[in-house]
Each structure stands twice: as structure tokens, then as C-alpha cells.
Amino acid sequence: MRVTRGTVLAMAGTMAVVAGCGGMRAGQIVAARSSVPAPGGPSTPTPTPPPPRAIDCARTQCVALTFDDGPGEHTGRLLDDLRREGARATFFLLGQNVGAHRDLVRRMVLEGHEVANHSWSHPQLTGMSPDAVRSQVRRTSEAVREASGVTPTLFRPPYGATDGTVARAVGMPQILWSVDTLDWRDRSAARVVRVGVREPRKGGIVLLHDIHRTTVEAVPRVLSGLKKRGFTLVTVSEMFQGRQLRPGQKYEHR
């Protein structure tokens, strides 16, 4: 084989590439190159949320399950159960919990659930200044948007505690509830099932907490019981579809 100056330069370039790739062998370099998609070639599509559902809750027997204070360690299991049953829910998220569970927040959106604002750290907002309230809301909305690409449009005040000052500072519709399962107090799956199935009425909003294991354990039976009663499980925004919710106004049911 006749070695020319060009051959030497090419060999030196190859050796430099090998040295710069942490000791990759020539065969590995070829394989790595072959795995890079060619320009204009097919690429993996970016997942997108499902399209909005056209549900007329003025005529349909709807109920909205809402979950506060997450995301948390049990939220993934809850999402599995909701997906299995084809049910959608609204999650009122705490901003301080979003960072550790960004994948769950993104999954909520991609599976058709609604993400909403429940403050940053769950304080009693009625005892805070307007600037402090705005900070609680803004930081949470930013965290949710960064995790999921969606900016919340609904707010639930911690403890349901609100007044005119809070309403003006928040600047979003305030979603309360018509059924309180008291799951945070009793930590009883049986009670969550009993209340969650029996008490909702058409247009009702049910308060639950996905940070409690007993609540998440109860959800499959709640979903089954509500479906047997003829309910369609919807998000809060689906519940009020066709109605304009006003910033600062409180809503407990449709």
C-alpha cells in the first residue's frame, strides 16, 4: 500500500476523533454516525394533548372530580386508574410540589386532565397582603407552565378561604366544591367511596386529595360507582363549557 501525505492526514484525523470520544473504537464511531437521522428524515412526533371534548353538561349528567395539594407519590397510580376508566379530572397543584414531579404534571396534560392553581405553599391567603397572594399564584402558574406548557386558568384558594382582596389579587375564577369527602381528616378509603359515590349531584364538584394513599385506593370504586349512577366524569372547564367564568367569582357547582 502506498502511503501518501493525504492518507497520513486522514489517519491522524480519525485517531483524533477516537481520542476525543473517550476511547470509542472506529466501529463504534461508524455505528454512532449511522444512528443519526439524515436531514429531512423521519423524526419522533411530539406527544400532544387530546382534543377538547364537546360535552353539554347542561343536558348530560356530569360530575367533576378534583384533586388538591399534589402532585405527590401516589399521583402516578391515580393517573393509571383514571386512564383505565377513561375518566378526566382537574388537579389543583401546589407550586412547591411541581418541580419534583414535572413528568406527572406533563402526563396530566397529555392525558386530557386539567391542571389548575392551588397556590405555592398552601397558606391562608386571607391573612396575606395582595402582593404576597399574587406571588403565590404567579410562582405556581410559572412552575406549571414550565413543566407542562399549559398556564392554569382556574384557582382554588387553600382551605377555601377567600375574600374580596384575595379575589382581586388572584384574578382568576375561584373553584370551590359541592361535595367534601373529608379524606384529609379521616384517611378512610371506605368513607371516600361512600361519600364520593352517594353525595354528588348533577353538576357537582367533588373535593379529594391525591397526596393521601387511602384516597387514591378509593378512586377506582368511586369511578365505578359514579358510572353506575350514570355520571360522566369531566374536568371543571368541561363542566362549565359554554359559560364564561368571571375572574374573582366563586363557583361551587355548575
C-alpha atoms as a PDB file:
ATOM      1  CA  MET A   1       0.000   0.000   0.000  1.00  0.00           C
ATOM      2  CA  ARG A   2       1.377   3.408  -0.992  1.00  0.00           C
ATOM      3  CA  VAL A   3       1.053   5.889   1.880  1.00  0.00           C
ATOM      4  CA  THR A   4       0.592   9.461   0.735  1.00  0.00           C
ATOM      5  CA  ARG A   5       0.542  12.681   2.726  1.00  0.00           C
ATOM      6  CA  GLY A   6      -3.260  12.790   2.360  1.00  0.00           C
ATOM      7  CA  THR A   7      -3.586   9.284   3.791  1.00  0.00           C
ATOM      8  CA  VAL A   8      -1.497  10.255   6.801  1.00  0.00           C
ATOM      9  CA  LEU A   9      -3.653  13.303   7.446  1.00  0.00           C
ATOM     10  CA  ALA A  10      -6.846  11.285   7.174  1.00  0.00           C
ATOM     11  CA  MET A  11      -5.496   8.667   9.608  1.00  0.00           C
ATOM     12  CA  ALA A  12      -4.464  11.380  12.055  1.00  0.00           C
ATOM     13  CA  GLY A  13      -7.938  12.909  11.890  1.00  0.00           C
ATOM     14  CA  THR A  14      -9.519   9.533  12.629  1.00  0.00           C
ATOM     15  CA  MET A  15      -7.210   8.992  15.604  1.00  0.00           C
ATOM     16  CA  ALA A  16      -8.095  12.434  16.933  1.00  0.00           C
ATOM     17  CA  VAL A  17     -11.797  11.634  16.719  1.00  0.00           C
ATOM     18  CA  VAL A  18     -11.252   8.345  18.565  1.00  0.00           C
ATOM     19  CA  ALA A  19      -9.259  10.043  21.308  1.00  0.00           C
ATOM     20  CA  GLY A  20     -11.856  12.802  21.656  1.00  0.00           C
ATOM     21  CA  CYS A  21     -14.765  10.329  22.096  1.00  0.00           C
ATOM     22  CA  GLY A  22     -13.494   8.738  25.284  1.00  0.00           C
ATOM     23  CA  GLY A  23     -11.786   5.809  23.622  1.00  0.00           C
ATOM     24  CA  MET A  24     -14.523   4.866  21.111  1.00  0.00           C
ATOM     25  CA  ARG A  25     -13.405   2.378  18.513  1.00  0.00           C
ATOM     26  CA  ALA A  26     -13.695   3.030  14.820  1.00  0.00           C
ATOM     27  CA  GLY A  27     -16.565   0.576  14.523  1.00  0.00           C
ATOM     28  CA  GLN A  28     -18.428   2.353  17.303  1.00  0.00           C
ATOM     29  CA  ILE A  29     -17.928   5.674  15.556  1.00  0.00           C
ATOM     30  CA  VAL A  30     -19.412   4.304  12.354  1.00  0.00           C
ATOM     31  CA  ALA A  31     -22.361   2.867  14.274  1.00  0.00           C
ATOM     32  CA  ALA A  32     -22.916   6.147  16.086  1.00  0.00           C
ATOM     33  CA  ARG A  33     -22.845   8.041  12.815  1.00  0.00           C
ATOM     34  CA  SER A  34     -25.299   5.615  11.204  1.00  0.00           C
ATOM     35  CA  SER A  35     -27.742   6.138  14.097  1.00  0.00           C
ATOM     36  CA  VAL A  36     -28.022   9.893  13.487  1.00  0.00           C
ATOM     37  CA  PRO A  37     -31.154  10.642  11.414  1.00  0.00           C
ATOM     38  CA  ALA A  38     -30.420  12.005   7.992  1.00  0.00           C
ATOM     39  CA  PRO A  39     -31.520  15.584   7.323  1.00  0.00           C
ATOM     40  CA  GLY A  40     -35.170  15.599   6.380  1.00  0.00           C
ATOM     41  CA  GLY A  41     -35.632  12.046   7.629  1.00  0.00           C
ATOM     42  CA  PRO A  42     -38.478  10.848   9.891  1.00  0.00           C
ATOM     43  CA  SER A  43     -38.469  12.048  13.494  1.00  0.00           C
ATOM     44  CA  THR A  44     -40.363  11.012  16.617  1.00  0.00           C
ATOM     45  CA  PRO A  45     -43.582  13.063  16.855  1.00  0.00           C
ATOM     46  CA  THR A  46     -44.024  15.262  19.909  1.00  0.00           C
ATOM     47  CA  PRO A  47     -46.932  13.992  22.060  1.00  0.00           C
ATOM     48  CA  THR A  48     -49.897  16.352  22.121  1.00  0.00           C
ATOM     49  CA  PRO A  49     -52.913  16.533  24.433  1.00  0.00           C
ATOM     50  CA  PRO A  50     -56.162  15.010  23.182  1.00  0.00           C
ATOM     51  CA  PRO A  51     -58.585  17.436  21.542  1.00  0.00           C
ATOM     52  CA  PRO A  52     -61.239  19.102  23.720  1.00  0.00           C
ATOM     53  CA  ARG A  53     -64.379  17.055  24.211  1.00  0.00           C
ATOM     54  CA  ALA A  54     -67.759  18.522  23.295  1.00  0.00           C
ATOM     55  CA  ILE A  55     -69.818  17.637  26.370  1.00  0.00           C
ATOM     56  CA  ASP A  56     -73.001  19.544  27.162  1.00  0.00           C
ATOM     57  CA  CYS A  57     -73.223  19.290  30.940  1.00  0.00           C
ATOM     58  CA  ALA A  58     -76.486  21.234  30.840  1.00  0.00           C
ATOM     59  CA  ARG A  59     -78.031  18.073  29.396  1.00  0.00           C
ATOM     60  CA  THR A  60     -75.535  15.390  30.417  1.00  0.00           C
ATOM     61  CA  GLN A  61     -75.250  14.165  33.998  1.00  0.00           C
ATOM     62  CA  CYS A  62     -71.722  15.420  34.709  1.00  0.00           C
ATOM     63  CA  VAL A  63     -69.593  15.422  37.823  1.00  0.00           C
ATOM     64  CA  ALA A  64     -66.077  16.816  38.268  1.00  0.00           C
ATOM     65  CA  LEU A  65     -63.560  15.061  40.491  1.00  0.00           C
ATOM     66  CA  THR A  66     -60.893  17.483  41.704  1.00  0.00           C
ATOM     67  CA  PHE A  67     -57.635  16.611  43.454  1.00  0.00           C
ATOM     68  CA  ASP A  68     -55.762  19.100  45.642  1.00  0.00           C
ATOM     69  CA  ASP A  69     -52.256  19.532  47.069  1.00  0.00           C
ATOM     70  CA  GLY A  70     -50.302  17.351  44.636  1.00  0.00           C
ATOM     71  CA  PRO A  71     -48.590  16.108  42.753  1.00  0.00           C
ATOM     72  CA  GLY A  72     -47.225  13.509  45.124  1.00  0.00           C
ATOM     73  CA  GLU A  73     -46.026   9.939  45.457  1.00  0.00           C
ATOM     74  CA  HIS A  74     -49.480   8.443  44.789  1.00  0.00           C
ATOM     75  CA  THR A  75     -50.415  10.601  41.803  1.00  0.00           C
ATOM     76  CA  GLY A  76     -48.966   8.218  39.204  1.00  0.00           C
ATOM     77  CA  ARG A  77     -51.205   5.402  40.407  1.00  0.00           C
ATOM     78  CA  LEU A  78     -54.187   7.740  40.313  1.00  0.00           C
ATOM     79  CA  LEU A  79     -53.432   8.690  36.718  1.00  0.00           C
ATOM     80  CA  ASP A  80     -53.239   4.996  35.829  1.00  0.00           C
ATOM     81  CA  ASP A  81     -56.706   4.424  37.311  1.00  0.00           C
ATOM     82  CA  LEU A  82     -58.226   7.438  35.570  1.00  0.00           C
ATOM     83  CA  ARG A  83     -56.764   6.380  32.225  1.00  0.00           C
ATOM     84  CA  ARG A  84     -58.030   2.836  32.656  1.00  0.00           C
ATOM     85  CA  GLU A  85     -61.571   4.108  33.212  1.00  0.00           C
ATOM     86  CA  GLY A  86     -61.438   6.818  30.552  1.00  0.00           C
ATOM     87  CA  ALA A  87     -62.153   9.483  33.192  1.00  0.00           C
ATOM     88  CA  ARG A  88     -60.795  13.009  33.306  1.00  0.00           C
ATOM     89  CA  ALA A  89     -60.183  15.129  36.387  1.00  0.00           C
ATOM     90  CA  THR A  90     -58.886  18.523  37.496  1.00  0.00           C
ATOM     91  CA  PHE A  91     -55.707  18.799  39.545  1.00  0.00           C
ATOM     92  CA  PHE A  92     -55.246  21.872  41.742  1.00  0.00           C
ATOM     93  CA  LEU A  93     -51.477  21.824  42.104  1.00  0.00           C
ATOM     94  CA  LEU A  94     -49.170  23.275  44.728  1.00  0.00           C
ATOM     95  CA  GLY A  95     -46.306  25.054  43.025  1.00  0.00           C
ATOM     96  CA  GLN A  96     -43.743  23.798  45.539  1.00  0.00           C
ATOM     97  CA  ASN A  97     -44.561  20.187  44.549  1.00  0.00           C
ATOM     98  CA  VAL A  98     -44.317  20.639  40.798  1.00  0.00           C
ATOM     99  CA  GLY A  99     -40.532  20.639  40.428  1.00  0.00           C
ATOM    100  CA  ALA A 100     -40.072  17.120  41.812  1.00  0.00           C
ATOM    101  CA  HIS A 101     -42.914  15.726  39.690  1.00  0.00           C
ATOM    102  CA  ARG A 102     -42.657  17.546  36.382  1.00  0.00           C
ATOM    103  CA  ASP A 103     -43.234  14.308  34.475  1.00  0.00           C
ATOM    104  CA  LEU A 104     -46.551  13.760  36.251  1.00  0.00           C
ATOM    105  CA  VAL A 105     -47.732  17.302  35.513  1.00  0.00           C
ATOM    106  CA  ARG A 106     -46.885  16.847  31.853  1.00  0.00           C
ATOM    107  CA  ARG A 107     -48.636  13.489  31.845  1.00  0.00           C
ATOM    108  CA  MET A 108     -51.793  15.081  33.282  1.00  0.00           C
ATOM    109  CA  VAL A 109     -51.980  17.424  30.327  1.00  0.00           C
ATOM    110  CA  LEU A 110     -51.151  14.759  27.736  1.00  0.00           C
ATOM    111  CA  GLU A 111     -53.899  12.505  29.095  1.00  0.00           C
ATOM    112  CA  GLY A 112     -56.581  15.197  28.917  1.00  0.00           C
ATOM    113  CA  HIS A 113     -56.766  16.276  32.544  1.00  0.00           C
ATOM    114  CA  GLU A 114     -56.907  19.894  33.646  1.00  0.00           C
ATOM    115  CA  VAL A 115     -54.085  21.497  35.634  1.00  0.00           C
ATOM    116  CA  ALA A 116     -55.060  24.380  37.895  1.00  0.00           C
ATOM    117  CA  ASN A 117     -53.507  26.630  40.551  1.00  0.00           C
ATOM    118  CA  HIS A 118     -53.746  25.966  44.298  1.00  0.00           C
ATOM    119  CA  SER A 119     -51.053  28.440  45.464  1.00  0.00           C
ATOM    120  CA  TRP A 120     -47.368  27.808  46.015  1.00  0.00           C
ATOM    121  CA  SER A 121     -47.271  26.579  49.626  1.00  0.00           C
ATOM    122  CA  HIS A 122     -50.922  26.350  50.812  1.00  0.00           C
ATOM    123  CA  PRO A 123     -51.046  29.376  53.130  1.00  0.00           C
ATOM    124  CA  GLN A 124     -54.160  31.088  54.488  1.00  0.00           C
ATOM    125  CA  LEU A 125     -54.402  33.757  51.810  1.00  0.00           C
ATOM    126  CA  THR A 126     -56.898  35.926  53.672  1.00  0.00           C
ATOM    127  CA  GLY A 127     -54.149  36.848  56.133  1.00  0.00           C
ATOM    128  CA  MET A 128     -51.683  37.945  53.468  1.00  0.00           C
ATOM    129  CA  SER A 129     -51.031  41.141  51.548  1.00  0.00           C
ATOM    130  CA  PRO A 130     -52.169  41.406  47.907  1.00  0.00           C
ATOM    131  CA  ASP A 131     -48.540  41.286  46.749  1.00  0.00           C
ATOM    132  CA  ALA A 132     -47.917  38.092  48.718  1.00  0.00           C
ATOM    133  CA  VAL A 133     -51.058  36.498  47.283  1.00  0.00           C
ATOM    134  CA  ARG A 134     -50.023  37.442  43.753  1.00  0.00           C
ATOM    135  CA  SER A 135     -46.608  35.911  44.353  1.00  0.00           C
ATOM    136  CA  GLN A 136     -48.153  32.616  45.497  1.00  0.00           C
ATOM    137  CA  VAL A 137     -50.263  32.480  42.350  1.00  0.00           C
ATOM    138  CA  ARG A 138     -47.638  33.691  39.878  1.00  0.00           C
ATOM    139  CA  ARG A 139     -44.902  31.312  41.027  1.00  0.00           C
ATOM    140  CA  THR A 140     -47.251  28.341  40.783  1.00  0.00           C
ATOM    141  CA  SER A 141     -48.535  29.243  37.327  1.00  0.00           C
ATOM    142  CA  GLU A 142     -44.950  29.637  36.108  1.00  0.00           C
ATOM    143  CA  ALA A 143     -43.938  26.252  37.528  1.00  0.00           C
ATOM    144  CA  VAL A 144     -46.907  24.511  35.922  1.00  0.00           C
ATOM    145  CA  ARG A 145     -46.287  26.210  32.582  1.00  0.00           C
ATOM    146  CA  GLU A 146     -42.608  25.256  32.604  1.00  0.00           C
ATOM    147  CA  ALA A 147     -43.462  21.629  33.395  1.00  0.00           C
ATOM    148  CA  SER A 148     -46.374  21.161  31.010  1.00  0.00           C
ATOM    149  CA  GLY A 149     -46.566  24.043  28.560  1.00  0.00           C
ATOM    150  CA  VAL A 150     -50.006  24.950  29.954  1.00  0.00           C
ATOM    151  CA  THR A 151     -50.797  28.006  32.055  1.00  0.00           C
ATOM    152  CA  PRO A 152     -53.562  27.436  34.637  1.00  0.00           C
ATOM    153  CA  THR A 153     -56.746  29.473  34.210  1.00  0.00           C
ATOM    154  CA  LEU A 154     -58.556  28.314  37.364  1.00  0.00           C
ATOM    155  CA  PHE A 155     -57.676  28.791  41.033  1.00  0.00           C
ATOM    156  CA  ARG A 156     -58.703  27.130  44.270  1.00  0.00           C
ATOM    157  CA  PRO A 157     -57.860  29.005  47.481  1.00  0.00           C
ATOM    158  CA  PRO A 158     -56.281  26.842  50.186  1.00  0.00           C
ATOM    159  CA  TYR A 159     -58.864  25.819  52.806  1.00  0.00           C
ATOM    160  CA  GLY A 160     -61.453  27.502  50.578  1.00  0.00           C
ATOM    161  CA  ALA A 161     -60.551  30.719  52.406  1.00  0.00           C
ATOM    162  CA  THR A 162     -61.055  33.798  50.273  1.00  0.00           C
ATOM    163  CA  ASP A 163     -62.374  37.342  50.352  1.00  0.00           C
ATOM    164  CA  GLY A 164     -62.521  40.377  48.110  1.00  0.00           C
ATOM    165  CA  THR A 165     -58.825  41.152  48.493  1.00  0.00           C
ATOM    166  CA  VAL A 166     -57.825  37.606  47.574  1.00  0.00           C
ATOM    167  CA  ALA A 167     -60.256  37.515  44.660  1.00  0.00           C
ATOM    168  CA  ARG A 168     -58.816  40.703  43.150  1.00  0.00           C
ATOM    169  CA  ALA A 169     -55.211  39.635  43.703  1.00  0.00           C
ATOM    170  CA  VAL A 170     -55.707  36.180  42.174  1.00  0.00           C
ATOM    171  CA  GLY A 171     -57.503  37.432  39.070  1.00  0.00           C
ATOM    172  CA  MET A 172     -58.889  34.007  38.122  1.00  0.00           C
ATOM    173  CA  PRO A 173     -62.204  32.215  38.683  1.00  0.00           C
ATOM    174  CA  GLN A 174     -62.191  30.591  42.124  1.00  0.00           C
ATOM    175  CA  ILE A 175     -63.338  26.976  42.101  1.00  0.00           C
ATOM    176  CA  LEU A 176     -64.670  25.610  45.371  1.00  0.00           C
ATOM    177  CA  TRP A 177     -66.744  22.407  45.749  1.00  0.00           C
ATOM    178  CA  SER A 178     -70.186  20.988  46.438  1.00  0.00           C
ATOM    179  CA  VAL A 179     -69.012  17.678  47.985  1.00  0.00           C
ATOM    180  CA  ASP A 180     -66.223  17.481  50.570  1.00  0.00           C
ATOM    181  CA  THR A 181     -65.085  13.904  51.164  1.00  0.00           C
ATOM    182  CA  LEU A 182     -63.033  14.983  54.205  1.00  0.00           C
ATOM    183  CA  ASP A 183     -60.438  12.488  53.040  1.00  0.00           C
ATOM    184  CA  TRP A 184     -57.679  14.586  54.602  1.00  0.00           C
ATOM    185  CA  ARG A 185     -59.262  14.172  58.045  1.00  0.00           C
ATOM    186  CA  ASP A 186     -60.466  10.570  58.139  1.00  0.00           C
ATOM    187  CA  ARG A 187     -57.915   8.851  55.868  1.00  0.00           C
ATOM    188  CA  SER A 188     -60.533   6.156  55.218  1.00  0.00           C
ATOM    189  CA  ALA A 189     -60.887   4.647  51.747  1.00  0.00           C
ATOM    190  CA  ALA A 190     -64.303   3.247  52.697  1.00  0.00           C
ATOM    191  CA  ARG A 191     -65.592   6.698  53.643  1.00  0.00           C
ATOM    192  CA  VAL A 192     -64.230   8.252  50.441  1.00  0.00           C
ATOM    193  CA  VAL A 193     -66.099   5.621  48.434  1.00  0.00           C
ATOM    194  CA  ARG A 194     -69.307   6.116  50.387  1.00  0.00           C
ATOM    195  CA  VAL A 195     -69.326   9.910  50.133  1.00  0.00           C
ATOM    196  CA  GLY A 196     -67.790  10.073  46.670  1.00  0.00           C
ATOM    197  CA  VAL A 197     -70.421   7.811  45.160  1.00  0.00           C
ATOM    198  CA  ARG A 198     -73.567   8.769  47.073  1.00  0.00           C
ATOM    199  CA  GLU A 199     -73.365  12.525  47.528  1.00  0.00           C
ATOM    200  CA  PRO A 200     -72.558  14.037  44.091  1.00  0.00           C
ATOM    201  CA  ARG A 201     -75.423  15.539  42.132  1.00  0.00           C
ATOM    202  CA  LYS A 202     -75.572  16.648  38.524  1.00  0.00           C
ATOM    203  CA  GLY A 203     -73.097  19.496  38.038  1.00  0.00           C
ATOM    204  CA  GLY A 204     -71.292  18.734  41.288  1.00  0.00           C
ATOM    205  CA  ILE A 205     -67.620  19.311  42.113  1.00  0.00           C
ATOM    206  CA  VAL A 206     -66.013  16.764  44.448  1.00  0.00           C
ATOM    207  CA  LEU A 207     -63.034  17.652  46.649  1.00  0.00           C
ATOM    208  CA  LEU A 208     -60.321  14.992  47.044  1.00  0.00           C
ATOM    209  CA  HIS A 209     -56.566  14.937  47.732  1.00  0.00           C
ATOM    210  CA  ASP A 210     -54.185  12.794  45.695  1.00  0.00           C
ATOM    211  CA  ILE A 211     -51.462  13.094  48.348  1.00  0.00           C
ATOM    212  CA  HIS A 212     -53.299  10.543  50.527  1.00  0.00           C
ATOM    213  CA  ARG A 213     -52.860   6.835  49.784  1.00  0.00           C
ATOM    214  CA  THR A 214     -56.330   5.985  51.108  1.00  0.00           C
ATOM    215  CA  THR A 215     -57.927   8.434  48.689  1.00  0.00           C
ATOM    216  CA  VAL A 216     -56.118   7.008  45.683  1.00  0.00           C
ATOM    217  CA  GLU A 217     -57.027   3.484  46.802  1.00  0.00           C
ATOM    218  CA  ALA A 218     -60.703   4.521  46.817  1.00  0.00           C
ATOM    219  CA  VAL A 219     -60.775   6.132  43.375  1.00  0.00           C
ATOM    220  CA  PRO A 220     -61.428   3.005  41.242  1.00  0.00           C
ATOM    221  CA  ARG A 221     -64.535   2.227  43.323  1.00  0.00           C
ATOM    222  CA  VAL A 222     -65.636   5.872  43.202  1.00  0.00           C
ATOM    223  CA  LEU A 223     -65.330   5.901  39.420  1.00  0.00           C
ATOM    224  CA  SER A 224     -67.232   2.638  39.097  1.00  0.00           C
ATOM    225  CA  GLY A 225     -69.992   3.790  41.444  1.00  0.00           C
ATOM    226  CA  LEU A 226     -70.456   7.145  39.710  1.00  0.00           C
ATOM    227  CA  LYS A 227     -70.602   5.497  36.297  1.00  0.00           C
ATOM    228  CA  LYS A 228     -73.270   3.099  37.556  1.00  0.00           C
ATOM    229  CA  ARG A 229     -75.266   6.156  38.614  1.00  0.00           C
ATOM    230  CA  GLY A 230     -74.998   7.441  35.052  1.00  0.00           C
ATOM    231  CA  PHE A 231     -72.397  10.160  35.558  1.00  0.00           C
ATOM    232  CA  THR A 232     -69.861  11.365  33.007  1.00  0.00           C
ATOM    233  CA  LEU A 233     -66.538  12.300  34.631  1.00  0.00           C
ATOM    234  CA  VAL A 234     -65.373  15.696  33.352  1.00  0.00           C
ATOM    235  CA  THR A 235     -62.888  18.436  34.119  1.00  0.00           C
ATOM    236  CA  VAL A 236     -64.058  21.666  35.709  1.00  0.00           C
ATOM    237  CA  SER A 237     -63.682  23.562  32.436  1.00  0.00           C
ATOM    238  CA  GLU A 238     -65.694  20.891  30.638  1.00  0.00           C
ATOM    239  CA  MET A 239     -68.335  21.201  33.347  1.00  0.00           C
ATOM    240  CA  PHE A 240     -68.734  24.909  32.605  1.00  0.00           C
ATOM    241  CA  GLN A 241     -68.335  24.628  28.836  1.00  0.00           C
ATOM    242  CA  GLY A 242     -70.399  27.325  27.166  1.00  0.00           C
ATOM    243  CA  ARG A 243     -70.374  29.567  30.245  1.00  0.00           C
ATOM    244  CA  GLN A 244     -67.932  32.388  30.834  1.00  0.00           C
ATOM    245  CA  LEU A 245     -66.340  32.136  34.272  1.00  0.00           C
ATOM    246  CA  ARG A 246     -65.516  35.533  35.723  1.00  0.00           C
ATOM    247  CA  PRO A 247     -62.224  36.340  37.481  1.00  0.00           C
ATOM    248  CA  GLY A 248     -62.678  36.526  41.234  1.00  0.00           C
ATOM    249  CA  GLN A 249     -66.092  34.868  41.199  1.00  0.00           C
ATOM    250  CA  LYS A 250     -66.610  31.732  43.305  1.00  0.00           C
ATOM    251  CA  TYR A 251     -68.054  28.548  41.768  1.00  0.00           C
ATOM    252  CA  GLU A 252     -69.145  25.546  43.833  1.00  0.00           C
ATOM    253  CA  HIS A 253     -71.099  23.635  41.157  1.00  0.00           C
ATOM    254  CA  ARG A 254     -72.458  24.170  37.683  1.00  0.00           C
END
